[in-house]
Amino acid sequence: DARSYSLVVRASLGLEGPLQGIFSTSAPVVFRYADPVKGEIERPVQLAPAVTLTLGSRSEYAPANRSFTRTMHVTLRSAARDTQTVRLALTLPAGIAADSVERTLRLAPGSERTVEVALRGRLAPGRHEVKAAAIVGTTRYETGYTAVEYDHIRPQYLYRPATLAIEAVDITLPSRANIAYVPGVGDNVAPALAQLGFSVTIVEPEKFASTKLDDFAAIVIGPRAFEASAVLLANAPLINAYAARGGTVVTQYGQFEMARPGVLPFPITHTRPAARVTIEEAPITVLDAANPLLNKPNKIVASDFAGWVQERALYMPTTFDPNWTPLLEMNDPNEPANKGGLLVAKTGKGTYVYTTLSLFRQLPAGNPGAARLFANLIAAGQAPTVTP
């Protein structure tokens, strides 16, 4: 679990007489300085290990039973007063090898260095962990921190183990796996898709109109991308035309802008506030078990919805045009059932998928079922290929 090591002073005061008792209080130790623009600034005084390690990511995918390569970034920071001789050591699961399991480097006081480690291997389905440690003499350091710094809150430094979880997923990709990805808000889906084996081209909204969309098997729109970009919103007709020509579009959840005419190929409506399912374990009812979206190239089963994080779905439409086919139904306790989590429609010669499932949370967390489902969404409208 994440931990913070702020330095705190605690004081107790004992009183006698009518108000007798012991009263205690505590306060963080802070360093104050003057900023020419912001005025007086307070920063908490932190306790820190002499050496900390932070990995470039905490969770990644790999296709199960297939060879893969990966570059892991390890950032080492020194809080020591003297230059340290540090041995960076890795603990690897069976099936993974590194270009160097151990290497030695020098860290000057207060310095930071990032080391690249090349990983390669082949993993059975399941979660596997790569652990990093910094060894100075006989002392072993295995944690690093992430700084949380905003003007409106006191800075915090959250410590976590220097561990990379690699989820090896039993997954089949579609026959055409080259996709255009339009980033959304708080969006880290594209790297996860690339780790699974998709060929991902990032297309910024400003470049969308000049991109040869027909070169791609699918266009994937990130969460709340239409809300974040007026340019993308103006180009919604281009996206719908691409689908009508025979392409596949997968659009992740948006807010009330998704109900504006012309954004989606067929209309939807929301209640206010919009419906959502916040219980990660909320039961899911499959409405159309034979639909190809739940069967090709991966057979989606109940276990694919296990282990989800934070929520099931958000900003779910409550009504939708009959051209949309709903595939899933779900709800929080004591809330009405909602069929707006996963909608698919034929439009012209192509396919349009609109999903309010919280896949943008599941993929960065390494959920295997969400990865298999996302592959099926991208595969909508094309024949699967069996990957050996």
Foldseek 3Di string as FASTA:
>chain_A
DWDFFFAKDKDWDADDDPPGDIDMDMDFDWDWDQDPVPGIDTATDGDDDQKAKAKPAAEAEAAAQDKDKDKIKIKMFGQDQAKFWKKKAKDFDPFKDKPDRIDIDIDGHGDMDMDIIMMIGHHHAAKTKMFIWIDTPNDIYFKHWDWDDDPVDHITTIIDGRMHIYGHFNAFFFPFQEEEEEEDPPFDQQRRSVNHPGNYDYDYLVCVVVDPHLVHQEYEYYEQRVVVDVSVVVCLQVNLVSQQVAHEYEYEYHAQVQQPPSNDPWHFAADVVGFFFFDLPWDKDFDCQPDQLCPPPHNQDPCLSPPAPGGFFHNFTQDTDPQWDFTMWTHYPPDDIGRRQWIKGRHNNGIYIYGRTVLSRRSSVPRRSSSNSVSSSSNPRGHGDGDD
